[in-house]
């Protein structure tokens, strides 16, 4: 992860908030603490475990630019996380990474895919007073039912581009909030097409989306209604599903690669700050083959090639239903 991350840009973004060390004990270098925090997220370590890892693993000390004679203790590591949360720097660093990817021609804006995933949390318990031990706030953990199984936790809602699957928008809510409610926060306004699963049926009828005149909505039909479709409409549903599959890749990185299938903190704000950073790392890993190799991708060339590839795929695969000329077929997709 050392090469893909634009450390210089991230350091400059955080530097204006970082203590200057004019009073009290001199702080550790900003880049050092930023690298330590990132390593903690890479390996999903607790604060004490991160301190032990720096003491025992030479490669981690080299990554952070530390020597064995002076290492940050767990209080220093924890306070740096508090510092990032207090200033909302998780979201700012996520946007900075996306700017870096956009300069390399990787952030495409013609199409979007929206989806949500539940992140589990420990079930609430009763405290000594007999009340549920929960934090108070608008976006805290809650119980929900998916299929025949109950879950307790929060939801991560993301919007990705439909070509590379890079995350451009994130929102977090309690688990019982319907997927369609925060969907307006996941669209940037430049989309020409939007894909979503059956949970987003009727999204185009909501007030916040009525102003989107030039957007084609490709929302999956419910499983029960798919049984009644003819072969042509069923093929259209399969094509929508294949295009929508890219939105699952970032969830795989966040939940499996970085191990964040369960929340680390009680409050939604703390988890949201961490999810923004993990989303930034996921984007870097997904786009790594395009820019982290021998040479960077030129902005215009990369964007033009990806647009042409997408247009060829859509035109070729959907030509059998005369997508451009047959209004009935267009309705079959929508």
Protein backbone atom coordinates (compact mmCIF):
# COMPACT_ATOMS: atom_id res chain seq x y z
CA UNK A 1 0.00 0.00 0.00
CA UNK A 2 3.00 2.34 0.13
CA UNK A 3 3.16 3.14 -3.59
CA UNK A 4 -0.55 3.60 -4.39
CA UNK A 5 -1.25 6.07 -1.55
CA UNK A 6 -0.53 9.75 -2.40
CA UNK A 7 1.15 10.47 0.93
CA UNK A 8 2.23 14.01 0.06
CA UNK A 9 -1.30 15.16 -0.81
CA UNK A 10 -2.78 13.54 2.28
CA UNK A 11 -0.13 15.06 4.54
CA UNK A 12 -0.80 18.53 3.14
CA UNK A 13 -4.52 18.11 3.75
CA UNK A 14 -4.02 17.22 7.42
CA UNK A 15 -1.11 19.55 8.17
CA UNK A 16 -3.24 22.66 8.74
CA UNK A 17 -4.97 20.96 11.70
CA UNK A 18 -1.95 19.14 13.16
CA UNK A 19 -0.31 20.58 16.32
CA UNK A 20 2.78 22.66 15.60
CA UNK A 21 4.54 21.65 18.81
CA UNK A 22 5.07 25.18 20.07
CA UNK A 23 4.16 24.16 23.61
CA UNK A 24 4.40 20.90 25.51
CA UNK A 25 6.01 17.73 24.31
CA UNK A 26 7.06 17.83 20.62
CA UNK A 27 4.60 15.80 18.51
CA UNK A 28 5.65 12.94 16.28
CA UNK A 29 6.01 13.86 12.59
CA UNK A 30 2.63 14.02 10.88
CA UNK A 31 3.56 11.58 8.12
CA UNK A 32 4.74 9.06 10.71
CA UNK A 33 1.46 9.16 12.64
CA UNK A 34 -0.54 9.05 9.43
CA UNK A 35 1.31 5.92 8.33
CA UNK A 36 0.83 4.33 11.75
CA UNK A 37 -2.91 5.03 11.61
CA UNK A 38 -3.16 3.60 8.10
CA UNK A 39 -1.35 0.43 9.17
CA UNK A 40 -3.82 0.08 12.02
CA UNK A 41 -6.64 0.15 9.44
CA UNK A 42 -4.85 -2.17 7.02
CA UNK A 43 -4.59 -4.94 9.62
CA UNK A 44 -7.72 -4.03 11.65
CA UNK A 45 -5.71 -3.75 14.86
CA UNK A 46 -6.74 -2.37 18.22
CA UNK A 47 -4.68 0.46 19.70
CA UNK A 48 -2.72 -1.78 22.13
CA UNK A 49 -2.12 -4.29 19.34
CA UNK A 50 -0.78 -1.52 17.10
CA UNK A 51 1.66 -0.46 19.81
CA UNK A 52 2.85 -4.06 20.25
CA UNK A 53 3.21 -4.49 16.49
CA UNK A 54 5.47 -1.44 16.25
CA UNK A 55 7.65 -2.88 19.02
CA UNK A 56 7.90 -6.35 17.52
CA UNK A 57 7.73 -5.99 13.71
CA UNK A 58 10.63 -4.30 11.97
CA UNK A 59 8.83 -3.89 8.62
CA UNK A 60 6.10 -1.84 10.29
CA UNK A 61 8.66 0.46 11.88
CA UNK A 62 10.34 0.93 8.53
CA UNK A 63 7.00 1.71 6.88
CA UNK A 64 6.29 4.39 9.49
CA UNK A 65 9.86 5.72 9.54
CA UNK A 66 10.37 4.86 13.21
CA UNK A 67 13.25 3.48 15.22
CA UNK A 68 13.05 1.17 18.19
CA UNK A 69 14.38 3.77 20.63
CA UNK A 70 11.36 6.10 20.18
CA UNK A 71 7.94 4.65 19.43
CA UNK A 72 4.45 6.15 19.96
CA UNK A 73 2.56 4.55 22.82
CA UNK A 74 -1.11 3.55 22.65
CA UNK A 75 -2.28 6.89 24.07
CA UNK A 76 -0.51 8.78 21.27
CA UNK A 77 -1.99 6.44 18.64
CA UNK A 78 -5.46 6.80 20.12
CA UNK A 79 -5.28 10.59 20.33
CA UNK A 80 -4.30 10.79 16.66
CA UNK A 81 -7.46 8.88 15.77
CA UNK A 82 -9.46 11.29 17.93
CA UNK A 83 -7.75 14.14 16.10
CA UNK A 84 -8.88 12.79 12.70
CA UNK A 85 -12.43 12.26 13.95
CA UNK A 86 -12.69 15.67 15.59
CA UNK A 87 -11.89 17.50 12.35
CA UNK A 88 -13.77 15.12 10.03
CA UNK A 89 -10.57 14.32 8.18
CA UNK A 90 -11.70 10.85 7.09
CA UNK A 91 -14.12 12.35 4.58
CA UNK A 92 -11.56 14.96 3.50
CA UNK A 93 -8.88 12.34 2.85
CA UNK A 94 -11.38 10.23 0.91
CA UNK A 95 -12.10 13.20 -1.36
CA UNK A 96 -8.38 13.89 -1.74
CA UNK A 97 -7.73 10.32 -2.87
CA UNK A 98 -10.55 10.62 -5.41
CA UNK A 99 -9.00 13.83 -6.72
CA UNK A 100 -5.75 11.94 -7.15
CA UNK A 101 -7.55 9.21 -9.09
CA UNK A 102 -9.39 11.78 -11.19
CA UNK A 103 -6.09 13.39 -12.21
CA UNK A 104 -5.07 9.97 -13.50
CA UNK A 105 -8.28 9.69 -15.54
CA UNK A 106 -9.91 7.00 -13.42
CA UNK A 107 -12.98 8.72 -11.93
CA UNK A 108 -15.68 8.40 -14.60
CA UNK A 109 -19.01 10.12 -14.06
CA UNK A 110 -21.33 9.00 -16.87
CA UNK A 111 -22.90 6.12 -14.97
CA UNK A 112 -23.45 5.17 -11.33
CA UNK A 113 -24.37 2.09 -9.33
CA UNK A 114 -25.88 2.40 -5.85
CA UNK A 115 -26.04 -0.25 -3.15
CA UNK A 116 -25.92 -0.73 0.61
CA UNK A 117 -24.44 -3.31 2.98
CA UNK A 118 -25.10 -4.04 6.64
CA UNK A 119 -22.14 -3.86 9.02
CA UNK A 120 -22.87 -5.84 12.15
CA UNK A 121 -22.51 -4.51 15.68
CA UNK A 122 -22.69 -6.22 19.09
CA UNK A 123 -26.28 -6.33 20.26
CA UNK A 124 -27.25 -3.73 22.83
CA UNK A 125 -27.29 -4.75 26.48
CA UNK A 126 -29.04 -3.41 29.54
CA UNK A 127 -27.02 -1.33 31.96
CA UNK A 128 -27.38 -1.18 35.73
CA UNK A 129 -30.48 0.99 35.49
CA UNK A 130 -32.21 -1.60 33.31
CA UNK A 131 -32.17 0.56 30.17
CA UNK A 132 -30.63 -0.20 26.83
CA UNK A 133 -27.03 0.95 26.71
CA UNK A 134 -27.11 2.90 23.43
CA UNK A 135 -25.70 6.19 22.28
CA UNK A 136 -28.14 8.96 21.43
CA UNK A 137 -28.07 10.30 17.88
CA UNK A 138 -29.72 10.18 14.48
CA UNK A 139 -27.53 7.50 12.92
CA UNK A 140 -26.84 4.96 15.64
CA UNK A 141 -27.05 1.17 15.57
CA UNK A 142 -30.42 -0.47 15.10
CA UNK A 143 -32.01 -3.82 14.36
CA UNK A 144 -33.36 -4.79 10.94
CA UNK A 145 -34.65 -7.88 9.16
CA UNK A 146 -33.23 -9.12 5.87
CA UNK A 147 -34.97 -12.17 4.50
CA UNK A 148 -35.73 -14.34 7.50
CA UNK A 149 -32.72 -13.22 9.54
CA UNK A 150 -32.34 -10.30 11.94
CA UNK A 151 -29.27 -8.08 12.00
CA UNK A 152 -28.11 -5.40 14.42
CA UNK A 153 -25.77 -2.65 13.31
CA UNK A 154 -25.43 0.06 10.70
CA UNK A 155 -25.59 0.39 6.93
CA UNK A 156 -22.96 1.66 4.55
CA UNK A 157 -24.45 3.15 1.38
CA UNK A 158 -22.13 3.74 -1.59
CA UNK A 159 -22.30 5.05 -5.13
CA UNK A 160 -19.71 3.78 -7.62
CA UNK A 161 -19.05 4.44 -11.28
CA UNK A 162 -20.35 1.73 -13.59
CA UNK A 163 -17.06 1.27 -15.47
CA UNK A 164 -14.33 0.67 -12.87
CA UNK A 165 -16.40 0.39 -9.70
CA UNK A 166 -14.62 3.18 -7.82
CA UNK A 167 -16.55 4.71 -4.91
CA UNK A 168 -17.44 8.36 -5.42
CA UNK A 169 -20.06 8.80 -2.65
CA UNK A 170 -20.63 7.34 0.83
CA UNK A 171 -23.37 7.65 3.41
CA UNK A 172 -23.98 5.79 6.67
CA UNK A 173 -27.25 5.18 8.50
CA UNK A 174 -28.73 2.84 11.06
CA UNK A 175 -29.44 -0.64 9.73
CA UNK A 176 -33.23 -0.14 9.73
CA UNK A 177 -33.12 2.79 7.27
CA UNK A 178 -34.33 1.73 3.82
CA UNK A 179 -31.73 1.73 1.03
CA UNK A 180 -33.71 4.20 -1.08
CA UNK A 181 -33.81 6.95 1.59
CA UNK A 182 -30.17 8.20 1.36
CA UNK A 183 -29.86 7.38 -2.36
CA UNK A 184 -29.94 11.07 -3.25
CA UNK A 185 -26.66 11.56 -1.36
CA UNK A 186 -24.98 8.90 -3.51
CA UNK A 187 -25.51 10.61 -6.88
CA UNK A 188 -23.30 13.49 -7.98
CA UNK A 189 -25.66 14.90 -10.62
CA UNK A 190 -23.69 14.14 -13.79
CA UNK A 191 -25.05 10.61 -14.27
CA UNK A 192 -26.65 9.54 -17.52
CA UNK A 193 -27.59 6.10 -16.18
CA UNK A 194 -28.12 4.67 -12.69
CA UNK A 195 -28.16 0.99 -11.73
CA UNK A 196 -29.61 -0.45 -8.53
CA UNK A 197 -31.08 -3.62 -7.09
CA UNK A 198 -34.77 -4.19 -6.39
CA UNK A 199 -34.53 -2.21 -3.16
CA UNK A 200 -34.41 0.97 -5.26
CA UNK A 201 -37.63 0.38 -7.20
CA UNK A 202 -39.50 3.65 -7.59
CA UNK A 203 -36.45 5.82 -6.93
CA UNK A 204 -37.17 7.99 -9.98
CA UNK A 205 -40.57 8.94 -8.50
CA UNK A 206 -39.15 10.46 -5.33
CA UNK A 207 -39.12 14.25 -5.06
CA UNK A 208 -35.33 14.54 -4.81
CA UNK A 209 -34.89 12.79 -8.19
CA UNK A 210 -37.69 14.32 -10.26
CA UNK A 211 -35.35 17.03 -11.50
CA UNK A 212 -33.00 14.50 -13.12
CA UNK A 213 -34.31 14.70 -16.69
CA UNK A 214 -31.57 12.97 -18.69
CA UNK A 215 -31.05 9.94 -16.45
CA UNK A 216 -31.96 6.36 -17.41
CA UNK A 217 -32.87 4.27 -14.37
CA UNK A 218 -31.92 0.59 -14.65
CA UNK A 219 -33.41 -0.87 -11.48
CA UNK A 220 -33.74 -4.63 -11.03
CA UNK A 221 -37.16 -6.19 -10.75
CA UNK A 222 -38.19 -8.18 -7.70
CA UNK A 223 -37.52 -11.94 -7.83
CA UNK A 224 -41.25 -12.73 -7.77
CA UNK A 225 -41.99 -10.62 -10.84
CA UNK A 226 -39.03 -12.01 -12.81
CA UNK A 227 -40.78 -15.37 -13.09
CA UNK A 228 -43.42 -13.77 -15.30
CA UNK A 229 -40.99 -12.15 -17.76
CA UNK A 230 -40.47 -13.37 -21.32
CA UNK A 231 -37.03 -14.36 -22.61
CA UNK A 232 -36.17 -10.89 -23.91
CA UNK A 233 -37.01 -9.08 -20.67
CA UNK A 234 -35.29 -11.79 -18.61
CA UNK A 235 -32.13 -11.27 -20.67
CA UNK A 236 -32.38 -7.55 -19.94
CA UNK A 237 -32.51 -8.31 -16.20
CA UNK A 238 -29.40 -10.45 -16.45
CA UNK A 239 -27.55 -7.66 -18.24
CA UNK A 240 -28.52 -5.18 -15.55
CA UNK A 241 -27.29 -7.62 -12.89
CA UNK A 242 -23.93 -8.10 -14.65
CA UNK A 243 -23.42 -4.33 -14.85
CA UNK A 244 -24.45 -3.94 -11.21
CA UNK A 245 -21.96 -6.54 -9.97
CA UNK A 246 -19.13 -3.96 -9.81
CA UNK A 247 -20.69 -2.36 -6.74
CA UNK A 248 -19.98 -5.50 -4.71
CA UNK A 249 -16.21 -5.29 -5.21
CA UNK A 250 -15.62 -2.36 -2.79
CA UNK A 251 -17.65 -4.15 -0.12
CA UNK A 252 -15.41 -7.16 -0.57
CA UNK A 253 -12.29 -5.05 0.03
CA UNK A 254 -13.76 -3.27 3.07
CA UNK A 255 -15.27 -6.34 4.74
CA UNK A 256 -12.89 -9.13 3.74
CA UNK A 257 -9.58 -7.57 2.74
CA UNK A 258 -9.53 -4.98 5.56
CA UNK A 259 -11.63 -7.11 7.92
CA UNK A 260 -14.27 -4.50 8.73
CA UNK A 261 -17.29 -6.77 8.72
CA UNK A 262 -18.13 -5.62 12.26
CA UNK A 263 -18.05 -2.11 13.66
CA UNK A 264 -15.11 -1.10 15.83
CA UNK A 265 -16.75 1.77 17.70
CA UNK A 266 -20.11 2.49 19.29
CA UNK A 267 -20.95 5.77 17.60
CA UNK A 268 -21.86 6.11 13.96
CA UNK A 269 -19.59 9.14 13.44
CA UNK A 270 -16.45 7.21 14.44
CA UNK A 271 -17.33 4.29 12.20
CA UNK A 272 -18.19 6.64 9.34
CA UNK A 273 -14.78 8.30 9.61
CA UNK A 274 -13.09 4.92 9.38
CA UNK A 275 -15.28 3.74 6.49
CA UNK A 276 -14.34 6.80 4.45
CA UNK A 277 -10.66 5.92 4.84
CA UNK A 278 -11.26 2.26 4.01
CA UNK A 279 -13.23 3.33 0.93
CA UNK A 280 -10.27 5.46 -0.15
CA UNK A 281 -7.93 2.47 0.25
CA UNK A 282 -10.37 0.28 -1.71
CA UNK A 283 -10.40 2.78 -4.57
CA UNK A 284 -6.61 2.78 -4.64
CA UNK A 285 -6.48 -1.01 -4.78
CA UNK A 286 -9.13 -1.24 -7.50
CA UNK A 287 -7.42 1.42 -9.59
CA UNK A 288 -3.88 0.29 -8.81
CA UNK A 289 -3.37 -1.60 -12.09
CA UNK A 290 -4.18 1.55 -14.04
CA UNK A 291 -1.86 4.03 -12.34
CA UNK A 292 0.58 2.37 -9.88
CA UNK A 293 2.60 0.48 -12.44
CA UNK A 294 5.38 1.67 -14.68
CA UNK A 295 3.75 4.96 -15.72
CA UNK A 296 0.69 7.00 -14.71
CA UNK A 297 -2.41 6.95 -16.86
CA UNK A 298 -2.91 10.10 -18.91
CA UNK A 299 -6.17 11.78 -18.00
CA UNK A 300 -7.72 12.14 -21.46
CA UNK A 301 -6.44 8.87 -22.86
CA UNK A 302 -7.58 6.82 -19.87
CA UNK A 303 -11.00 8.44 -19.72
CA UNK A 304 -11.57 8.18 -23.47
CA UNK A 305 -10.55 4.51 -23.54
CA UNK A 306 -12.85 3.60 -20.66
CA UNK A 307 -15.77 5.52 -22.14
CA UNK A 308 -15.32 3.82 -25.49
CA UNK A 309 -15.08 0.43 -23.82
CA UNK A 310 -18.30 1.06 -21.87
CA UNK A 311 -20.15 2.32 -24.93
CA UNK A 312 -19.04 -0.71 -26.97
CA UNK A 313 -20.16 -3.09 -24.25
CA UNK A 314 -23.56 -1.47 -23.75
CA UNK A 315 -24.24 -1.02 -27.48
CA UNK A 316 -23.10 -4.55 -28.36
CA UNK A 317 -24.70 -6.51 -25.54
CA UNK A 318 -27.99 -4.64 -25.53
CA UNK A 319 -28.40 -4.38 -29.30
CA UNK A 320 -30.53 -7.52 -29.37
CA UNK A 321 -33.37 -5.62 -27.70
CA UNK A 322 -32.90 -2.52 -29.94
CA UNK A 323 -32.24 -0.42 -26.88
CA UNK A 324 -31.82 2.83 -28.77
CA UNK A 325 -34.81 2.58 -31.08
CA UNK A 326 -37.40 0.39 -29.38
CA UNK A 327 -39.24 2.26 -26.61
CA UNK A 328 -40.88 -0.97 -25.43
CA UNK A 329 -37.48 -2.57 -25.02
CA UNK A 330 -36.27 0.51 -23.18
CA UNK A 331 -39.16 0.13 -20.75
CA UNK A 332 -38.24 -3.54 -20.35
CA UNK A 333 -34.82 -2.50 -19.08
CA UNK A 334 -36.16 0.23 -16.87
